Amino acid sequence: MNSTKLKLIILYFCFCLISGLFPGKASAETAQLSVDIHPREIHEGEVFTINLTFTSSNPIGTINALIAYDDALIEYQSGGSNTVQISGGTGMITATGSPSTKEMIYSLRFMAKKSGTASFAITESEVIALDTGTLLGTPQKTISITILPDGNEDIDKTIKVYINGKVFYVFKQLTDVKLPEGFETTVVTLQGQEIEGAKNLLTGLILLYAADENLQEGWYIYDPSTDMLYPYITINVDQVYTLLPIDINTEGYHPTNIKINGISIPVLKPDHFRGYYLVKASNEQGDTGYYFYDERENTLQRVWLEEAQTENREVIFTITALAVICIILLLLITLLAYSFRPRRKRRKH
């Protein structure tokens, strides 16, 4: 081996060693970050989206980023799945990419709590390459969010309430509002103010008329003990049933949301789904209980919790029994096939 080849080999190993010890210095920083807001004009009480877009010319392996925002003016709602953790004015992003990932987008939903100028920032970040483990960049970004005063013209006629992070405008008076059948006007105390509501004397159900964050008006069930609002949804089968918030956790079921009459409502879905959900409802006589709701037929069937659990166990038992039977049949077929296999005759020596 001549001296030139030896020098090249030594230089090659030195380069590999330096690249391994100082990965961030071995490649140019190519990662970039852009931040935009939708909609551009935001009023107090509205929900808006902050879109974070990380890009790189190389496949992204890992992103770690720290978030800071003005929680006195804006409140985090949702977005980013389990890769994003945000609460109380700070947060972080921890995500991994794939060989084809050169762009990662996070859409974070916030609510404007009150008017003013709020800040949102990616204070620190680290974008690592997938194939080499080198540092692609540490982009940072800070933006200002202008929140205008509430644009609702009827704000003096309503009381603003926050339920599960969502804003509602409850009307103080029921002027020109038609009451649901079976209800009559009553006085309800909300946030220390007396307002008009509707009450069913037979069932005791209290309704308030309110507008949501998109100013869509409708009736909501009001629970005075918790100050909570729930969508007022009815199903007309042989009589009118009012759907109530599900308040149990039962074996063999898990919570989910479905749309009934165009409104999302929480229900329980069997682990082995067969087309029906478990809901809570009250009939016209005020009897409250649990029902199986058939989404396709839009029908209800009264059920006792023990029956619901038993039926779900029977489904599990049936599926398990069928699986065992199939395994036994497969073994029998295998044994029969083996027993009918032609045997080779031994040759005589």
Protein backbone atom coordinates (compact mmCIF):
# COMPACT_ATOMS: atom_id res chain seq x y z
CA MET A 1 0.00 0.00 0.00
CA ASN A 2 1.53 3.37 -1.03
CA SER A 3 1.52 6.49 1.14
CA THR A 4 -1.18 8.27 -0.91
CA LYS A 5 -3.77 5.52 -0.33
CA LEU A 6 -2.83 5.38 3.35
CA LYS A 7 -3.40 9.14 3.70
CA LEU A 8 -6.80 8.88 1.99
CA ILE A 9 -7.88 6.08 4.31
CA ILE A 10 -6.75 8.04 7.40
CA LEU A 11 -8.60 11.18 6.19
CA TYR A 12 -11.77 9.10 5.55
CA PHE A 13 -11.78 7.67 9.06
CA CYS A 14 -11.13 11.10 10.56
CA PHE A 15 -14.13 12.49 8.67
CA CYS A 16 -16.38 9.66 9.89
CA LEU A 17 -15.20 10.15 13.47
CA ILE A 18 -15.82 13.92 13.39
CA SER A 19 -19.26 13.41 11.80
CA GLY A 20 -20.20 10.99 14.54
CA LEU A 21 -18.98 13.19 17.38
CA PHE A 22 -20.39 16.43 16.00
CA PRO A 23 -23.46 15.54 13.93
CA GLY A 24 -24.92 19.03 14.13
CA LYS A 25 -21.83 20.56 12.51
CA ALA A 26 -21.52 18.05 9.70
CA SER A 27 -24.46 19.20 7.60
CA ALA A 28 -26.02 22.49 6.67
CA GLU A 29 -29.15 23.54 8.52
CA THR A 30 -32.00 23.06 6.07
CA ALA A 31 -35.03 22.85 8.38
CA GLN A 32 -37.51 25.73 8.23
CA LEU A 33 -40.65 26.69 10.18
CA SER A 34 -43.67 28.67 9.03
CA VAL A 35 -46.61 29.78 11.19
CA ASP A 36 -49.96 31.04 9.94
CA ILE A 37 -53.37 31.76 11.50
CA HIS A 38 -56.88 31.03 10.25
CA PRO A 39 -59.05 33.05 10.15
CA ARG A 40 -57.05 36.25 9.96
CA GLU A 41 -59.69 38.31 11.78
CA ILE A 42 -60.38 36.96 15.27
CA HIS A 43 -63.00 38.20 17.72
CA GLU A 44 -63.31 37.56 21.42
CA GLY A 45 -64.96 34.18 22.05
CA GLU A 46 -64.09 32.75 18.63
CA VAL A 47 -62.05 29.61 17.93
CA PHE A 48 -59.12 29.91 15.53
CA THR A 49 -56.34 27.67 14.19
CA ILE A 50 -52.57 28.11 14.34
CA ASN A 51 -50.82 26.04 11.66
CA LEU A 52 -47.18 25.05 12.28
CA THR A 53 -45.27 23.67 9.27
CA PHE A 54 -41.78 22.17 9.65
CA THR A 55 -40.01 21.50 6.33
CA SER A 56 -36.62 20.16 5.28
CA SER A 57 -34.88 19.08 2.10
CA ASN A 58 -33.88 15.84 3.90
CA PRO A 59 -36.22 13.22 5.42
CA ILE A 60 -37.17 14.23 8.97
CA GLY A 61 -36.55 11.70 11.70
CA THR A 62 -37.41 13.59 14.88
CA ILE A 63 -38.87 16.96 15.86
CA ASN A 64 -38.64 18.36 19.38
CA ALA A 65 -40.08 21.83 19.99
CA LEU A 66 -41.11 24.04 22.90
CA ILE A 67 -44.24 26.25 22.74
CA ALA A 68 -45.09 29.40 24.69
CA TYR A 69 -48.30 31.45 24.42
CA ASP A 70 -50.32 34.06 26.31
CA ASP A 71 -52.84 31.94 28.23
CA ALA A 72 -54.49 35.05 29.66
CA LEU A 73 -55.84 35.87 26.19
CA ILE A 74 -55.99 32.53 24.35
CA GLU A 75 -56.87 29.01 25.51
CA TYR A 76 -55.73 25.76 23.85
CA GLN A 77 -58.57 23.52 22.63
CA SER A 78 -57.26 20.62 20.54
CA GLY A 79 -55.03 19.51 17.68
CA GLY A 80 -51.74 17.73 17.02
CA SER A 81 -52.90 14.34 18.38
CA ASN A 82 -50.70 12.72 21.02
CA THR A 83 -47.52 14.30 19.66
CA VAL A 84 -48.51 17.66 21.17
CA GLN A 85 -48.88 18.46 24.87
CA ILE A 86 -50.12 21.99 25.69
CA SER A 87 -51.47 23.49 28.89
CA GLY A 88 -51.30 26.70 30.92
CA GLY A 89 -49.28 28.81 28.50
CA THR A 90 -46.58 26.28 27.58
CA GLY A 91 -46.31 23.09 25.55
CA MET A 92 -44.10 20.79 23.58
CA ILE A 93 -44.04 18.79 20.36
CA THR A 94 -42.32 15.40 20.18
CA ALA A 95 -42.75 13.57 16.88
CA THR A 96 -41.01 11.06 14.64
CA GLY A 97 -41.01 10.93 10.86
CA SER A 98 -40.54 8.34 8.12
CA PRO A 99 -38.34 7.94 5.00
CA SER A 100 -40.83 9.99 2.97
CA THR A 101 -41.41 12.72 5.58
CA LYS A 102 -39.97 16.08 4.56
CA GLU A 103 -42.84 18.13 5.98
CA MET A 104 -44.71 17.96 9.31
CA ILE A 105 -47.84 20.08 9.88
CA TYR A 106 -49.58 20.70 13.20
CA SER A 107 -52.97 22.45 13.31
CA LEU A 108 -53.63 23.73 16.83
CA ARG A 109 -57.05 25.11 17.79
CA PHE A 110 -57.26 27.96 20.30
CA MET A 111 -60.10 30.05 21.67
CA ALA A 112 -59.83 33.83 22.04
CA LYS A 113 -60.73 34.47 25.69
CA LYS A 114 -60.72 38.27 25.54
CA SER A 115 -59.62 41.13 23.32
CA GLY A 116 -56.00 42.25 23.14
CA THR A 117 -52.73 41.21 21.50
CA ALA A 118 -51.59 37.69 22.35
CA SER A 119 -48.21 36.15 21.59
CA PHE A 120 -47.48 32.65 20.35
CA ALA A 121 -43.96 31.31 19.90
CA ILE A 122 -41.86 28.27 19.12
CA THR A 123 -39.10 29.21 21.54
CA GLU A 124 -36.83 26.24 20.84
CA SER A 125 -36.80 23.41 18.33
CA GLU A 126 -34.57 20.63 17.06
CA VAL A 127 -35.10 18.88 13.73
CA ILE A 128 -33.05 15.69 13.29
CA ALA A 129 -32.42 13.88 10.00
CA LEU A 130 -33.83 10.37 9.69
CA ASP A 131 -31.01 8.63 7.83
CA THR A 132 -27.92 10.31 9.31
CA GLY A 133 -29.08 11.57 12.71
CA THR A 134 -27.60 14.96 11.92
CA LEU A 135 -29.13 18.24 13.06
CA LEU A 136 -31.16 19.77 10.22
CA GLY A 137 -31.95 22.98 12.04
CA THR A 138 -33.30 24.77 15.12
CA PRO A 139 -36.00 27.06 13.69
CA GLN A 140 -37.82 29.49 16.01
CA LYS A 141 -40.80 31.73 15.39
CA THR A 142 -42.84 34.31 17.31
CA ILE A 143 -46.13 35.82 16.14
CA SER A 144 -48.63 38.32 17.53
CA ILE A 145 -52.36 37.57 17.46
CA THR A 146 -54.78 40.51 17.47
CA ILE A 147 -58.10 39.71 19.16
CA LEU A 148 -60.90 42.16 18.42
CA PRO A 149 -63.80 42.91 20.78
CA ASP A 150 -66.82 40.62 20.53
CA GLY A 151 -68.68 41.23 17.28
CA ASN A 152 -72.00 39.79 18.46
CA GLU A 153 -74.62 42.54 18.15
CA ASP A 154 -76.84 40.91 20.77
CA ILE A 155 -74.14 40.63 23.41
CA ASP A 156 -76.15 42.81 25.86
CA LYS A 157 -79.03 40.37 25.51
CA THR A 158 -76.94 37.32 26.40
CA ILE A 159 -74.72 35.86 29.10
CA LYS A 160 -71.43 34.40 27.94
CA VAL A 161 -70.60 31.04 29.52
CA TYR A 162 -67.70 28.62 28.95
CA ILE A 163 -68.56 24.91 28.93
CA ASN A 164 -65.72 22.39 28.41
CA GLY A 165 -63.62 25.10 26.77
CA LYS A 166 -66.41 26.16 24.39
CA VAL A 167 -68.20 29.50 24.49
CA PHE A 168 -72.00 29.81 24.53
CA TYR A 169 -74.21 32.90 24.53
CA VAL A 170 -77.29 32.21 26.65
CA PHE A 171 -80.23 34.49 25.87
CA LYS A 172 -81.65 36.32 28.87
CA GLN A 173 -85.16 36.53 27.41
CA LEU A 174 -87.14 34.19 25.17
CA THR A 175 -88.58 36.90 22.94
CA ASP A 176 -90.08 35.41 19.75
CA VAL A 177 -88.70 31.96 20.65
CA LYS A 178 -91.14 29.06 20.35
CA LEU A 179 -91.08 26.73 23.36
CA PRO A 180 -90.80 22.97 22.79
CA GLU A 181 -94.03 21.05 23.33
CA GLY A 182 -94.67 20.30 27.01
CA PHE A 183 -92.50 23.17 28.27
CA GLU A 184 -93.45 26.49 29.80
CA THR A 185 -91.50 29.62 30.70
CA THR A 186 -89.62 29.64 34.02
CA VAL A 187 -87.02 31.76 35.79
CA VAL A 188 -83.46 30.38 35.97
CA THR A 189 -80.51 31.84 37.87
CA LEU A 190 -77.33 31.78 35.78
CA GLN A 191 -74.10 33.43 36.96
CA GLY A 192 -76.07 35.38 39.55
CA GLN A 193 -78.54 36.74 36.98
CA GLU A 194 -82.18 35.78 36.60
CA ILE A 195 -83.03 34.86 33.02
CA GLU A 196 -85.86 33.13 31.19
CA GLY A 197 -85.74 29.43 30.51
CA ALA A 198 -88.15 26.61 29.74
CA LYS A 199 -89.21 23.86 32.13
CA ASN A 200 -91.15 20.64 31.66
CA LEU A 201 -93.26 20.29 34.82
CA LEU A 202 -93.68 16.55 34.25
CA THR A 203 -90.03 15.64 33.73
CA GLY A 204 -88.39 18.56 35.55
CA LEU A 205 -86.11 19.16 32.57
CA ILE A 206 -84.81 22.76 32.24
CA LEU A 207 -83.86 24.22 28.87
CA LEU A 208 -81.97 27.40 28.02
CA TYR A 209 -81.89 29.03 24.60
CA ALA A 210 -78.32 29.76 23.50
CA ALA A 211 -76.00 30.36 20.55
CA ASP A 212 -72.74 28.45 20.14
CA GLU A 213 -69.34 29.84 19.09
CA ASN A 214 -70.53 29.91 15.47
CA LEU A 215 -73.68 31.81 16.56
CA GLN A 216 -75.92 28.85 15.73
CA GLU A 217 -78.96 29.09 18.00
CA GLY A 218 -80.81 26.25 19.68
CA TRP A 219 -82.11 24.73 22.90
CA TYR A 220 -79.75 23.24 25.48
CA ILE A 221 -80.43 21.12 28.56
CA TYR A 222 -79.27 22.98 31.68
CA ASP A 223 -78.07 21.15 34.79
CA PRO A 224 -78.19 23.63 37.71
CA SER A 225 -76.07 21.35 39.94
CA THR A 226 -73.09 21.51 37.57
CA ASP A 227 -73.87 24.65 35.49
CA MET A 228 -73.42 22.49 32.39
CA LEU A 229 -75.20 22.78 29.03
CA TYR A 230 -75.99 19.79 26.81
CA PRO A 231 -77.58 19.71 23.34
CA TYR A 232 -81.35 19.18 23.49
CA ILE A 233 -82.03 16.25 21.15
CA THR A 234 -85.27 14.31 20.83
CA ILE A 235 -86.18 11.08 19.04
CA ASN A 236 -89.80 10.48 18.08
CA VAL A 237 -90.55 6.73 18.08
CA ASP A 238 -93.92 5.83 19.62
CA GLN A 239 -93.50 8.91 21.81
CA VAL A 240 -90.93 11.68 22.20
CA TYR A 241 -87.70 10.74 23.98
CA THR A 242 -85.17 13.32 25.15
CA LEU A 243 -81.53 12.21 25.00
CA LEU A 244 -79.55 12.93 28.16
CA PRO A 245 -75.77 12.98 28.80
CA ILE A 246 -74.44 9.46 29.32
CA ASP A 247 -73.23 9.17 32.91
CA ILE A 248 -71.94 5.61 33.29
CA ASN A 249 -69.00 3.41 32.37
CA THR A 250 -70.03 -0.19 31.87
CA GLU A 251 -68.09 -3.34 31.03
CA GLY A 252 -67.72 -4.09 27.35
CA TYR A 253 -68.44 -0.52 26.19
CA HIS A 254 -66.30 2.51 25.39
CA PRO A 255 -67.30 6.21 24.99
CA THR A 256 -67.64 7.78 21.56
CA ASN A 257 -69.61 10.53 19.81
CA ILE A 258 -72.22 10.17 17.08
CA LYS A 259 -74.42 12.66 15.27
CA ILE A 260 -78.16 12.50 15.89
CA ASN A 261 -80.33 15.04 14.05
CA GLY A 262 -77.08 16.71 12.95
CA ILE A 263 -75.84 17.27 16.52
CA SER A 264 -72.89 15.43 18.09
CA ILE A 265 -73.75 13.62 21.32
CA PRO A 266 -71.68 11.33 23.62
CA VAL A 267 -72.77 7.67 23.72
CA LEU A 268 -71.36 4.26 24.64
CA LYS A 269 -70.34 1.89 21.84
CA PRO A 270 -70.07 -1.89 22.42
CA ASP A 271 -66.55 -3.29 21.97
CA HIS A 272 -68.11 -5.79 19.56
CA PHE A 273 -70.30 -3.38 17.59
CA ARG A 274 -73.48 -4.71 15.98
CA GLY A 275 -75.16 -1.51 14.86
CA TYR A 276 -76.49 -0.06 18.11
CA TYR A 277 -75.24 2.31 20.81
CA LEU A 278 -76.08 2.63 24.49
CA VAL A 279 -77.71 5.98 25.32
CA LYS A 280 -79.56 7.58 28.21
CA ALA A 281 -83.02 9.03 27.55
CA SER A 282 -86.17 10.29 29.24
CA ASN A 283 -89.69 9.67 27.90
CA GLU A 284 -92.71 11.99 28.01
CA GLN A 285 -93.71 10.68 31.46
CA GLY A 286 -90.34 11.62 32.92
CA ASP A 287 -89.09 8.03 33.21
CA THR A 288 -85.32 8.01 32.70
CA GLY A 289 -83.39 4.94 31.63
CA TYR A 290 -80.89 3.43 29.24
CA TYR A 291 -81.67 2.40 25.68
CA PHE A 292 -80.11 0.75 22.66
CA TYR A 293 -80.13 3.28 19.82
CA ASP A 294 -80.21 1.90 16.27
CA GLU A 295 -78.47 4.50 14.13
CA ARG A 296 -79.80 3.16 10.81
CA GLU A 297 -83.43 2.78 11.91
CA ASN A 298 -83.41 5.77 14.31
CA THR A 299 -85.17 3.69 16.98
CA LEU A 300 -84.79 3.07 20.70
CA GLN A 301 -85.13 -0.12 22.72
CA ARG A 302 -85.24 0.00 26.53
CA VAL A 303 -82.53 -2.08 28.18
CA TRP A 304 -81.36 -2.69 31.74
CA LEU A 305 -77.64 -2.36 32.35
CA GLU A 306 -77.38 -6.00 33.40
CA GLU A 307 -78.97 -7.04 30.12
CA ALA A 308 -76.62 -4.81 28.11
CA GLN A 309 -73.58 -6.30 29.83
CA THR A 310 -74.95 -9.84 29.47
CA GLU A 311 -75.66 -9.37 25.76
CA ASN A 312 -72.15 -8.06 25.19
CA ARG A 313 -70.70 -11.05 27.08
CA GLU A 314 -72.83 -13.39 24.94
CA VAL A 315 -71.40 -11.80 21.79
CA ILE A 316 -67.87 -12.28 23.09
CA PHE A 317 -68.64 -15.88 24.11
CA THR A 318 -70.17 -16.64 20.69
CA ILE A 319 -67.15 -15.24 18.84
CA THR A 320 -64.76 -17.16 21.10
CA ALA A 321 -66.74 -20.40 20.71
CA LEU A 322 -66.76 -20.06 16.91
CA ALA A 323 -63.00 -19.49 16.92
CA VAL A 324 -62.44 -22.63 19.04
CA ILE A 325 -64.72 -24.69 16.78
CA CYS A 326 -62.85 -23.49 13.69
CA ILE A 327 -59.52 -24.47 15.25
CA ILE A 328 -60.84 -27.95 16.17
CA LEU A 329 -62.25 -28.47 12.66
CA LEU A 330 -58.93 -27.40 11.15
CA LEU A 331 -57.08 -29.92 13.33
CA LEU A 332 -59.53 -32.71 12.41
CA ILE A 333 -59.18 -31.96 8.70
CA THR A 334 -55.39 -31.99 9.07
CA LEU A 335 -55.49 -35.36 10.87
CA LEU A 336 -57.83 -36.87 8.26
CA ALA A 337 -55.64 -35.64 5.44
CA TYR A 338 -52.60 -37.15 7.16
CA SER A 339 -54.33 -40.51 7.78
CA PHE A 340 -55.36 -40.87 4.12
CA ARG A 341 -51.90 -40.06 2.84
CA PRO A 342 -50.55 -43.04 0.80
CA ARG A 343 -47.76 -44.85 2.58
CA ARG A 344 -44.59 -45.91 0.75
CA LYS A 345 -43.87 -49.63 0.61
CA ARG A 346 -40.56 -50.70 2.01
CA ARG A 347 -38.22 -52.39 -0.46
CA LYS A 348 -37.01 -55.86 0.34
CA HIS A 349 -33.26 -56.23 0.46
